[in-house]
Amino acid sequence: MADNIFLGPDAQVRFSLQMLRAYEGRGKIAAEQTPIIDGVFLSTDPDANVTGEYEASAANLLKLRIRPGKNPARWQAMHLVMGPLDLGDAAVIGVVARSQAPSSFTTRICLRSGQDGQFVDTFFPKTMVSFAQTSTHLDVLEISKLTDLPRQAQWRDLILFFQGSDVDLNLLDLRFFVV
């Protein structure tokens, strides 16, 4: 499953998600950046002294348990590297996520566009809420309405920003699309 035969501007991120779905493994979260697979990593506030673990399996795309130290985390996030992702001919970009958490838990989803050492964050309008029961989240960005979103970028990341407190989340599935 190491061949990337996806086509289109979103090929890199769809391939990374396919690879994450096939990945089975676990690891510790204890650094500013924790790689999961090539193109997918966790980033955390280094001042928060975060600890935790992740687990990926066939039944669960990514199970996360993150605990900040005595200081709340300014950020805790999962990044999916998207490459340059040309949006010049696109009308809509979107995400679909299935998740579950022991108690209500919110996540903000963001498209980060980088150019010449700077970046612009474009947040999807809805907040993803995970519940004790499995839930599905769907959100889109209408590109024509987003004047601050660069149509071309040197690089982009899809980022899931978690709360700055304890994270206990089962990300069952994640899909990304550009049309």
N, C-alpha and C. Protein backbone atom coordinates (compact mmCIF):
# COMPACT_ATOMS: atom_id res chain seq x y z
N MET A 1 0.81 -1.19 0.00
CA MET A 1 0.00 0.00 0.00
C MET A 1 0.86 1.26 0.00
N ALA A 2 2.09 1.17 -0.43
CA ALA A 2 2.98 2.33 -0.42
C ALA A 2 2.91 3.13 -1.71
N ASP A 3 2.13 2.69 -2.69
CA ASP A 3 2.03 3.42 -3.95
C ASP A 3 0.95 4.49 -3.85
N ASN A 4 1.29 5.71 -4.29
CA ASN A 4 0.32 6.80 -4.29
C ASN A 4 -0.19 6.95 -5.71
N ILE A 5 -1.39 6.44 -5.97
CA ILE A 5 -1.98 6.56 -7.30
C ILE A 5 -3.12 7.57 -7.32
N PHE A 6 -3.30 8.32 -6.24
CA PHE A 6 -4.32 9.35 -6.20
C PHE A 6 -3.98 10.48 -7.16
N LEU A 7 -4.99 11.07 -7.74
CA LEU A 7 -4.84 12.21 -8.64
C LEU A 7 -5.58 13.40 -8.05
N GLY A 8 -5.25 14.58 -8.50
CA GLY A 8 -5.94 15.79 -8.08
C GLY A 8 -5.14 16.57 -7.07
N PRO A 9 -5.60 17.79 -6.78
CA PRO A 9 -4.84 18.67 -5.89
C PRO A 9 -4.73 18.14 -4.46
N ASP A 10 -5.68 17.32 -4.04
CA ASP A 10 -5.68 16.80 -2.68
C ASP A 10 -5.07 15.40 -2.58
N ALA A 11 -4.33 14.98 -3.60
CA ALA A 11 -3.78 13.62 -3.64
C ALA A 11 -2.87 13.32 -2.45
N GLN A 12 -2.02 14.27 -2.06
CA GLN A 12 -1.07 14.00 -0.98
C GLN A 12 -1.78 13.74 0.34
N VAL A 13 -2.76 14.56 0.69
CA VAL A 13 -3.43 14.36 1.98
C VAL A 13 -4.31 13.12 1.95
N ARG A 14 -4.95 12.83 0.83
CA ARG A 14 -5.76 11.61 0.76
C ARG A 14 -4.88 10.37 0.88
N PHE A 15 -3.67 10.43 0.31
CA PHE A 15 -2.73 9.31 0.44
C PHE A 15 -2.28 9.16 1.89
N SER A 16 -1.97 10.27 2.55
CA SER A 16 -1.56 10.21 3.97
C SER A 16 -2.67 9.61 4.82
N LEU A 17 -3.91 10.01 4.55
CA LEU A 17 -5.03 9.45 5.31
C LEU A 17 -5.20 7.96 5.02
N GLN A 18 -5.00 7.55 3.78
CA GLN A 18 -5.05 6.11 3.46
C GLN A 18 -3.97 5.35 4.21
N MET A 19 -2.78 5.92 4.26
CA MET A 19 -1.67 5.27 4.98
C MET A 19 -1.97 5.21 6.48
N LEU A 20 -2.57 6.26 7.03
CA LEU A 20 -2.92 6.26 8.45
C LEU A 20 -3.99 5.21 8.74
N ARG A 21 -4.96 5.04 7.83
CA ARG A 21 -5.98 4.00 8.01
C ARG A 21 -5.36 2.61 8.03
N ALA A 22 -4.29 2.41 7.27
CA ALA A 22 -3.63 1.10 7.21
C ALA A 22 -2.64 0.89 8.34
N TYR A 23 -2.25 1.95 9.03
CA TYR A 23 -1.22 1.88 10.06
C TYR A 23 -1.79 1.30 11.35
N GLU A 24 -1.05 0.41 11.95
CA GLU A 24 -1.39 -0.11 13.28
C GLU A 24 -0.16 0.06 14.14
N GLY A 25 -0.29 0.86 15.18
CA GLY A 25 0.84 1.10 16.06
C GLY A 25 0.46 2.03 17.19
N ARG A 26 1.40 2.24 18.06
CA ARG A 26 1.17 3.11 19.21
C ARG A 26 2.47 3.79 19.57
N GLY A 27 2.35 4.85 20.35
CA GLY A 27 3.55 5.56 20.76
C GLY A 27 3.25 6.55 21.87
N LYS A 28 4.32 7.10 22.41
CA LYS A 28 4.23 8.09 23.49
C LYS A 28 4.23 9.50 22.89
N ILE A 29 3.52 10.39 23.56
CA ILE A 29 3.51 11.81 23.21
C ILE A 29 4.21 12.53 24.34
N ALA A 30 5.36 13.09 24.07
CA ALA A 30 6.10 13.76 25.14
C ALA A 30 7.02 14.85 24.61
N ALA A 31 6.83 15.25 23.37
CA ALA A 31 7.70 16.25 22.77
C ALA A 31 6.86 17.28 22.04
N GLU A 32 7.52 18.35 21.61
CA GLU A 32 6.81 19.39 20.87
C GLU A 32 6.22 18.83 19.58
N GLN A 33 6.92 17.89 18.94
CA GLN A 33 6.39 17.21 17.76
C GLN A 33 6.55 15.71 17.92
N THR A 34 5.46 14.99 17.65
CA THR A 34 5.47 13.54 17.71
C THR A 34 5.04 13.00 16.35
N PRO A 35 5.96 12.41 15.57
CA PRO A 35 5.56 11.84 14.29
C PRO A 35 4.76 10.56 14.49
N ILE A 36 3.71 10.40 13.69
CA ILE A 36 2.92 9.18 13.73
C ILE A 36 3.28 8.33 12.51
N ILE A 37 3.08 8.88 11.34
CA ILE A 37 3.56 8.30 10.08
C ILE A 37 4.07 9.47 9.25
N ASP A 38 4.69 9.17 8.12
CA ASP A 38 5.15 10.23 7.23
C ASP A 38 3.95 11.09 6.81
N GLY A 39 4.01 12.39 7.08
CA GLY A 39 2.94 13.30 6.70
C GLY A 39 1.90 13.53 7.76
N VAL A 40 1.99 12.86 8.89
CA VAL A 40 1.04 13.03 9.99
C VAL A 40 1.82 13.12 11.29
N PHE A 41 1.59 14.21 12.04
CA PHE A 41 2.29 14.37 13.32
C PHE A 41 1.44 15.15 14.30
N LEU A 42 1.77 15.01 15.58
CA LEU A 42 1.12 15.77 16.64
C LEU A 42 2.07 16.89 17.05
N SER A 43 1.51 18.06 17.34
CA SER A 43 2.32 19.16 17.86
C SER A 43 1.67 19.66 19.15
N THR A 44 2.51 19.96 20.13
CA THR A 44 2.02 20.43 21.42
C THR A 44 2.87 21.58 21.93
N ASP A 45 2.28 22.36 22.79
CA ASP A 45 2.95 23.50 23.42
C ASP A 45 4.10 22.97 24.29
N PRO A 46 5.35 23.35 23.99
CA PRO A 46 6.47 22.83 24.78
C PRO A 46 6.46 23.31 26.22
N ASP A 47 5.81 24.44 26.50
CA ASP A 47 5.75 24.96 27.87
C ASP A 47 4.75 24.21 28.74
N ALA A 48 3.92 23.38 28.14
CA ALA A 48 2.88 22.66 28.89
C ALA A 48 3.36 21.31 29.41
N ASN A 49 4.55 20.88 29.01
CA ASN A 49 5.08 19.58 29.45
C ASN A 49 4.07 18.46 29.26
N VAL A 50 3.57 18.35 28.06
CA VAL A 50 2.53 17.40 27.72
C VAL A 50 3.07 15.97 27.76
N THR A 51 2.24 15.06 28.23
CA THR A 51 2.51 13.63 28.15
C THR A 51 1.27 12.95 27.57
N GLY A 52 1.43 11.74 27.11
CA GLY A 52 0.28 11.03 26.60
C GLY A 52 0.69 9.90 25.69
N GLU A 53 -0.30 9.37 25.00
CA GLU A 53 -0.05 8.28 24.07
C GLU A 53 -1.07 8.33 22.95
N TYR A 54 -0.70 7.71 21.85
CA TYR A 54 -1.60 7.55 20.72
C TYR A 54 -1.60 6.09 20.32
N GLU A 55 -2.68 5.68 19.68
CA GLU A 55 -2.78 4.32 19.17
C GLU A 55 -3.61 4.35 17.89
N ALA A 56 -3.11 3.69 16.86
CA ALA A 56 -3.82 3.56 15.60
C ALA A 56 -4.12 2.09 15.37
N SER A 57 -5.34 1.81 14.92
CA SER A 57 -5.72 0.43 14.65
C SER A 57 -6.73 0.41 13.52
N ALA A 58 -7.07 -0.78 13.07
CA ALA A 58 -8.04 -0.92 11.98
C ALA A 58 -9.40 -0.36 12.38
N ALA A 59 -9.76 -0.44 13.65
CA ALA A 59 -11.07 0.01 14.11
C ALA A 59 -11.09 1.49 14.50
N ASN A 60 -9.92 2.09 14.67
CA ASN A 60 -9.85 3.45 15.19
C ASN A 60 -8.68 4.15 14.52
N LEU A 61 -8.97 5.12 13.66
CA LEU A 61 -7.91 5.83 12.94
C LEU A 61 -6.83 6.31 13.89
N LEU A 62 -7.24 6.97 14.98
CA LEU A 62 -6.27 7.46 15.95
C LEU A 62 -6.95 7.70 17.29
N LYS A 63 -6.46 7.01 18.30
CA LYS A 63 -6.93 7.19 19.67
C LYS A 63 -5.88 8.05 20.38
N LEU A 64 -6.31 9.16 20.95
CA LEU A 64 -5.39 10.10 21.59
C LEU A 64 -5.71 10.27 23.06
N ARG A 65 -4.68 10.23 23.88
CA ARG A 65 -4.76 10.56 25.30
C ARG A 65 -3.62 11.53 25.56
N ILE A 66 -3.94 12.79 25.80
CA ILE A 66 -2.92 13.82 26.02
C ILE A 66 -3.22 14.52 27.33
N ARG A 67 -2.17 14.69 28.14
CA ARG A 67 -2.31 15.35 29.44
C ARG A 67 -1.27 16.45 29.56
N PRO A 68 -1.71 17.72 29.62
CA PRO A 68 -0.74 18.79 29.88
C PRO A 68 -0.22 18.69 31.31
N GLY A 69 0.98 19.24 31.54
CA GLY A 69 1.54 19.29 32.89
C GLY A 69 0.75 20.30 33.71
N LYS A 70 1.42 21.00 34.61
CA LYS A 70 0.68 21.93 35.48
C LYS A 70 0.20 23.17 34.73
N ASN A 71 0.83 23.51 33.60
CA ASN A 71 0.37 24.65 32.80
C ASN A 71 -0.56 24.16 31.69
N PRO A 72 -1.69 24.85 31.47
CA PRO A 72 -2.53 24.45 30.35
C PRO A 72 -1.79 24.67 29.03
N ALA A 73 -2.08 23.86 28.06
CA ALA A 73 -1.42 23.96 26.76
C ALA A 73 -2.04 25.10 25.95
N ARG A 74 -1.20 25.90 25.33
CA ARG A 74 -1.70 26.94 24.42
C ARG A 74 -2.20 26.31 23.14
N TRP A 75 -1.60 25.17 22.76
CA TRP A 75 -2.10 24.41 21.62
C TRP A 75 -1.72 22.95 21.77
N GLN A 76 -2.58 22.12 21.22
CA GLN A 76 -2.37 20.68 21.06
C GLN A 76 -3.05 20.35 19.74
N ALA A 77 -2.33 19.75 18.81
CA ALA A 77 -2.89 19.61 17.48
C ALA A 77 -2.37 18.38 16.76
N MET A 78 -3.16 17.95 15.77
CA MET A 78 -2.76 16.91 14.84
C MET A 78 -2.63 17.57 13.47
N HIS A 79 -1.49 17.38 12.81
CA HIS A 79 -1.22 17.98 11.50
C HIS A 79 -1.20 16.90 10.43
N LEU A 80 -1.81 17.19 9.30
CA LEU A 80 -1.70 16.37 8.10
C LEU A 80 -1.06 17.23 7.03
N VAL A 81 0.12 16.84 6.59
CA VAL A 81 0.85 17.59 5.57
C VAL A 81 0.15 17.40 4.23
N MET A 82 -0.12 18.51 3.55
CA MET A 82 -0.90 18.46 2.31
C MET A 82 -0.10 18.83 1.07
N GLY A 83 1.16 19.23 1.23
CA GLY A 83 1.90 19.71 0.07
C GLY A 83 1.38 21.07 -0.35
N PRO A 84 1.59 21.48 -1.60
CA PRO A 84 1.18 22.82 -2.02
C PRO A 84 -0.33 22.98 -2.23
N LEU A 85 -1.08 21.93 -2.47
CA LEU A 85 -2.53 21.95 -2.65
C LEU A 85 -3.02 23.20 -3.36
N ASP A 86 -2.96 23.20 -4.67
CA ASP A 86 -3.39 24.32 -5.50
C ASP A 86 -4.92 24.42 -5.46
N LEU A 87 -5.43 25.56 -5.01
CA LEU A 87 -6.87 25.78 -4.91
C LEU A 87 -7.39 26.69 -6.02
N GLY A 88 -6.57 26.95 -7.04
CA GLY A 88 -6.93 27.87 -8.11
C GLY A 88 -8.22 27.53 -8.82
N ASP A 89 -8.49 26.27 -9.05
CA ASP A 89 -9.70 25.86 -9.77
C ASP A 89 -10.75 25.24 -8.85
N ALA A 90 -10.54 25.29 -7.56
CA ALA A 90 -11.46 24.64 -6.62
C ALA A 90 -12.57 25.59 -6.18
N ALA A 91 -13.72 25.02 -5.88
CA ALA A 91 -14.85 25.80 -5.37
C ALA A 91 -15.05 25.59 -3.88
N VAL A 92 -14.83 24.35 -3.43
CA VAL A 92 -15.10 23.99 -2.04
C VAL A 92 -14.03 23.01 -1.57
N ILE A 93 -13.62 23.16 -0.31
CA ILE A 93 -12.81 22.14 0.34
C ILE A 93 -13.56 21.72 1.59
N GLY A 94 -13.46 20.46 1.93
CA GLY A 94 -14.24 20.00 3.07
C GLY A 94 -13.61 18.84 3.81
N VAL A 95 -14.17 18.60 4.99
CA VAL A 95 -13.74 17.49 5.84
C VAL A 95 -14.97 16.76 6.36
N VAL A 96 -14.80 15.47 6.54
CA VAL A 96 -15.79 14.63 7.21
C VAL A 96 -15.02 13.84 8.26
N ALA A 97 -15.49 13.90 9.50
CA ALA A 97 -14.82 13.19 10.59
C ALA A 97 -15.84 12.42 11.41
N ARG A 98 -15.48 11.21 11.78
CA ARG A 98 -16.26 10.43 12.74
C ARG A 98 -15.43 10.34 13.99
N SER A 99 -16.07 10.59 15.14
CA SER A 99 -15.30 10.61 16.39
C SER A 99 -16.16 10.14 17.55
N GLN A 100 -15.46 9.92 18.66
CA GLN A 100 -16.12 9.52 19.91
C GLN A 100 -15.20 9.95 21.04
N ALA A 101 -15.80 10.41 22.13
CA ALA A 101 -15.04 10.79 23.33
C ALA A 101 -15.88 10.44 24.55
N PRO A 102 -15.26 10.10 25.68
CA PRO A 102 -16.02 9.73 26.87
C PRO A 102 -16.99 10.83 27.33
N SER A 103 -16.59 12.09 27.15
CA SER A 103 -17.47 13.21 27.45
C SER A 103 -17.33 14.23 26.33
N SER A 104 -18.26 15.15 26.25
CA SER A 104 -18.28 16.15 25.19
C SER A 104 -16.91 16.82 25.04
N PHE A 105 -16.42 16.88 23.80
CA PHE A 105 -15.07 17.39 23.54
C PHE A 105 -15.07 18.14 22.21
N THR A 106 -14.50 19.34 22.19
CA THR A 106 -14.50 20.15 20.97
C THR A 106 -13.13 20.18 20.30
N THR A 107 -13.17 20.28 18.98
CA THR A 107 -11.98 20.37 18.14
C THR A 107 -12.25 21.39 17.05
N ARG A 108 -11.27 22.26 16.78
CA ARG A 108 -11.36 23.22 15.68
C ARG A 108 -10.48 22.71 14.55
N ILE A 109 -11.02 22.74 13.33
CA ILE A 109 -10.29 22.26 12.16
C ILE A 109 -9.86 23.46 11.32
N CYS A 110 -8.62 23.41 10.85
CA CYS A 110 -8.00 24.56 10.21
C CYS A 110 -7.22 24.13 8.98
N LEU A 111 -7.22 24.98 7.97
CA LEU A 111 -6.35 24.83 6.82
C LEU A 111 -5.25 25.88 6.96
N ARG A 112 -4.02 25.45 7.15
CA ARG A 112 -2.88 26.36 7.28
C ARG A 112 -2.15 26.42 5.94
N SER A 113 -1.97 27.63 5.43
CA SER A 113 -1.31 27.85 4.14
C SER A 113 -0.01 28.61 4.38
N GLY A 114 1.11 28.06 3.90
CA GLY A 114 2.41 28.66 4.14
C GLY A 114 3.06 29.20 2.88
N GLN A 115 3.71 30.35 3.04
CA GLN A 115 4.39 31.00 1.92
C GLN A 115 5.52 31.86 2.46
N ASP A 116 6.73 31.65 2.00
CA ASP A 116 7.89 32.49 2.34
C ASP A 116 8.07 32.70 3.84
N GLY A 117 8.00 31.63 4.61
CA GLY A 117 8.24 31.70 6.05
C GLY A 117 7.06 32.21 6.86
N GLN A 118 5.96 32.55 6.24
CA GLN A 118 4.75 33.02 6.93
C GLN A 118 3.64 31.99 6.70
N PHE A 119 2.58 32.08 7.52
CA PHE A 119 1.43 31.22 7.27
C PHE A 119 0.14 31.95 7.60
N VAL A 120 -0.93 31.48 6.99
CA VAL A 120 -2.29 31.99 7.21
C VAL A 120 -3.14 30.81 7.64
N ASP A 121 -3.85 30.96 8.76
CA ASP A 121 -4.78 29.92 9.22
C ASP A 121 -6.19 30.29 8.80
N THR A 122 -6.88 29.34 8.16
CA THR A 122 -8.28 29.51 7.78
C THR A 122 -9.06 28.41 8.49
N PHE A 123 -9.88 28.81 9.46
CA PHE A 123 -10.63 27.84 10.24
C PHE A 123 -11.94 27.50 9.55
N PHE A 124 -12.29 26.23 9.59
CA PHE A 124 -13.60 25.81 9.11
C PHE A 124 -14.64 26.42 10.04
N PRO A 125 -15.82 26.79 9.51
CA PRO A 125 -16.79 27.54 10.32
C PRO A 125 -17.38 26.78 11.51
N LYS A 126 -17.53 25.48 11.40
CA LYS A 126 -18.15 24.72 12.49
C LYS A 126 -17.09 24.18 13.45
N THR A 127 -17.47 24.03 14.70
CA THR A 127 -16.64 23.36 15.69
C THR A 127 -17.04 21.89 15.72
N MET A 128 -16.06 21.01 15.62
CA MET A 128 -16.34 19.57 15.72
C MET A 128 -16.56 19.23 17.19
N VAL A 129 -17.67 18.56 17.47
CA VAL A 129 -17.97 18.13 18.83
C VAL A 129 -18.05 16.61 18.85
N SER A 130 -17.27 16.02 19.74
CA SER A 130 -17.27 14.56 19.91
C SER A 130 -18.05 14.24 21.17
N PHE A 131 -18.80 13.16 21.13
CA PHE A 131 -19.67 12.76 22.24
C PHE A 131 -19.38 11.32 22.65
N ALA A 132 -20.06 10.85 23.69
CA ALA A 132 -19.93 9.46 24.12
C ALA A 132 -20.41 8.50 23.03
N GLN A 133 -21.42 8.92 22.30
CA GLN A 133 -21.88 8.14 21.15
C GLN A 133 -21.09 8.59 19.93
N THR A 134 -20.82 7.70 19.01
CA THR A 134 -20.12 8.06 17.78
C THR A 134 -20.90 9.14 17.04
N SER A 135 -20.19 10.17 16.59
CA SER A 135 -20.84 11.26 15.86
C SER A 135 -20.06 11.56 14.59
N THR A 136 -20.75 12.15 13.63
CA THR A 136 -20.14 12.52 12.35
C THR A 136 -20.17 14.03 12.21
N HIS A 137 -19.05 14.58 11.78
CA HIS A 137 -18.91 16.02 11.58
C HIS A 137 -18.61 16.27 10.11
N LEU A 138 -19.32 17.21 9.49
CA LEU A 138 -19.09 17.60 8.10
C LEU A 138 -18.97 19.10 8.06
N ASP A 139 -17.94 19.60 7.39
CA ASP A 139 -17.74 21.05 7.30
C ASP A 139 -17.06 21.37 5.98
N VAL A 140 -17.37 22.55 5.44
CA VAL A 140 -16.78 22.97 4.17
C VAL A 140 -16.36 24.43 4.24
N LEU A 141 -15.38 24.75 3.41
CA LEU A 141 -14.97 26.13 3.17
C LEU A 141 -15.33 26.46 1.73
N GLU A 142 -16.14 27.51 1.53
CA GLU A 142 -16.45 27.98 0.19
C GLU A 142 -15.35 28.96 -0.20
N ILE A 143 -14.51 28.54 -1.11
CA ILE A 143 -13.30 29.28 -1.43
C ILE A 143 -13.59 30.70 -1.93
N SER A 144 -14.63 30.89 -2.72
CA SER A 144 -14.92 32.22 -3.27
C SER A 144 -15.27 33.24 -2.19
N LYS A 145 -15.69 32.78 -1.02
CA LYS A 145 -16.06 33.69 0.08
C LYS A 145 -14.89 33.99 1.01
N LEU A 146 -13.73 33.40 0.76
CA LEU A 146 -12.59 33.53 1.67
C LEU A 146 -11.48 34.34 1.02
N THR A 147 -11.54 35.64 1.19
CA THR A 147 -10.56 36.52 0.54
C THR A 147 -9.16 36.37 1.13
N ASP A 148 -9.03 35.92 2.37
CA ASP A 148 -7.72 35.77 2.99
C ASP A 148 -7.06 34.42 2.71
N LEU A 149 -7.80 33.49 2.11
CA LEU A 149 -7.25 32.17 1.82
C LEU A 149 -6.44 32.22 0.53
N PRO A 150 -5.12 31.98 0.60
CA PRO A 150 -4.31 31.98 -0.62
C PRO A 150 -4.72 30.82 -1.55
N ARG A 151 -4.88 31.11 -2.82
CA ARG A 151 -5.24 30.06 -3.79
C ARG A 151 -4.04 29.17 -4.09
N GLN A 152 -2.84 29.73 -4.01
CA GLN A 152 -1.61 28.97 -4.15
C GLN A 152 -0.79 29.17 -2.88
N ALA A 153 -0.06 28.13 -2.50
CA ALA A 153 0.81 28.19 -1.32
C ALA A 153 1.98 27.24 -1.54
N GLN A 154 3.08 27.51 -0.86
CA GLN A 154 4.23 26.60 -0.95
C GLN A 154 3.94 25.30 -0.22
N TRP A 155 3.15 25.39 0.85
CA TRP A 155 2.76 24.20 1.61
C TRP A 155 1.45 24.47 2.34
N ARG A 156 0.76 23.40 2.66
CA ARG A 156 -0.47 23.49 3.47
C ARG A 156 -0.51 22.32 4.44
N ASP A 157 -1.13 22.56 5.58
CA ASP A 157 -1.43 21.51 6.55
C ASP A 157 -2.92 21.57 6.88
N LEU A 158 -3.53 20.42 7.04
CA LEU A 158 -4.85 20.33 7.65
C LEU A 158 -4.58 20.07 9.12
N ILE A 159 -5.11 20.93 10.00
CA ILE A 159 -4.79 20.83 11.42
C ILE A 159 -6.07 20.66 12.23
N LEU A 160 -6.05 19.71 13.15
CA LEU A 160 -7.11 19.57 14.14
C LEU A 160 -6.56 20.12 15.44
N PHE A 161 -7.10 21.26 15.88
CA PHE A 161 -6.68 21.88 17.13
C PHE A 161 -7.58 21.37 18.26
N PHE A 162 -6.96 20.75 19.25
CA PHE A 162 -7.69 20.23 20.40
C PHE A 162 -7.71 21.26 21.52
N GLN A 163 -8.57 21.06 22.49
CA GLN A 163 -8.62 21.92 23.67
C GLN A 163 -7.26 21.91 24.37
N GLY A 164 -7.00 22.93 25.18
CA GLY A 164 -5.73 23.03 25.89
C GLY A 164 -5.67 22.21 27.17
N SER A 165 -6.73 21.49 27.46
CA SER A 165 -6.79 20.65 28.67
C SER A 165 -6.60 19.19 28.27
N ASP A 166 -7.01 18.26 29.11
CA ASP A 166 -6.88 16.84 28.80
C ASP A 166 -7.61 16.48 27.51
N VAL A 167 -6.96 15.67 26.70
CA VAL A 167 -7.55 15.18 25.46
C VAL A 167 -7.77 13.68 25.61
N ASP A 168 -9.00 13.25 25.38
CA ASP A 168 -9.36 11.84 25.40
C ASP A 168 -10.30 11.64 24.22
N LEU A 169 -9.75 11.31 23.07
CA LEU A 169 -10.49 11.35 21.82
C LEU A 169 -10.20 10.13 20.97
N ASN A 170 -11.26 9.57 20.39
CA ASN A 170 -11.14 8.52 19.39
C ASN A 170 -11.54 9.13 18.05
N LEU A 171 -10.57 9.32 17.19
CA LEU A 171 -10.83 9.80 15.84
C LEU A 171 -11.00 8.56 14.97
N LEU A 172 -12.24 8.20 14.72
CA LEU A 172 -12.55 6.94 14.05
C LEU A 172 -12.27 6.98 12.56
N ASP A 173 -12.52 8.13 11.94
CA ASP A 173 -12.26 8.28 10.51
C ASP A 173 -12.15 9.76 10.19
N LEU A 174 -11.40 10.08 9.16
CA LEU A 174 -11.23 11.45 8.71
C LEU A 174 -11.08 11.42 7.20
N ARG A 175 -11.89 12.23 6.52
CA ARG A 175 -11.84 12.33 5.05
C ARG A 175 -11.69 13.80 4.67
N PHE A 176 -11.03 14.05 3.57
CA PHE A 176 -10.81 15.41 3.08
C PHE A 176 -11.14 15.42 1.59
N PHE A 177 -11.75 16.51 1.12
CA PHE A 177 -12.06 16.58 -0.31
C PHE A 177 -11.93 18.01 -0.83
N VAL A 178 -11.65 18.10 -2.11
CA VAL A 178 -11.58 19.36 -2.84
C VAL A 178 -12.42 19.18 -4.10
N VAL A 179 -13.36 20.10 -4.33
CA VAL A 179 -14.18 20.06 -5.56
C VAL A 179 -14.28 21.44 -6.16
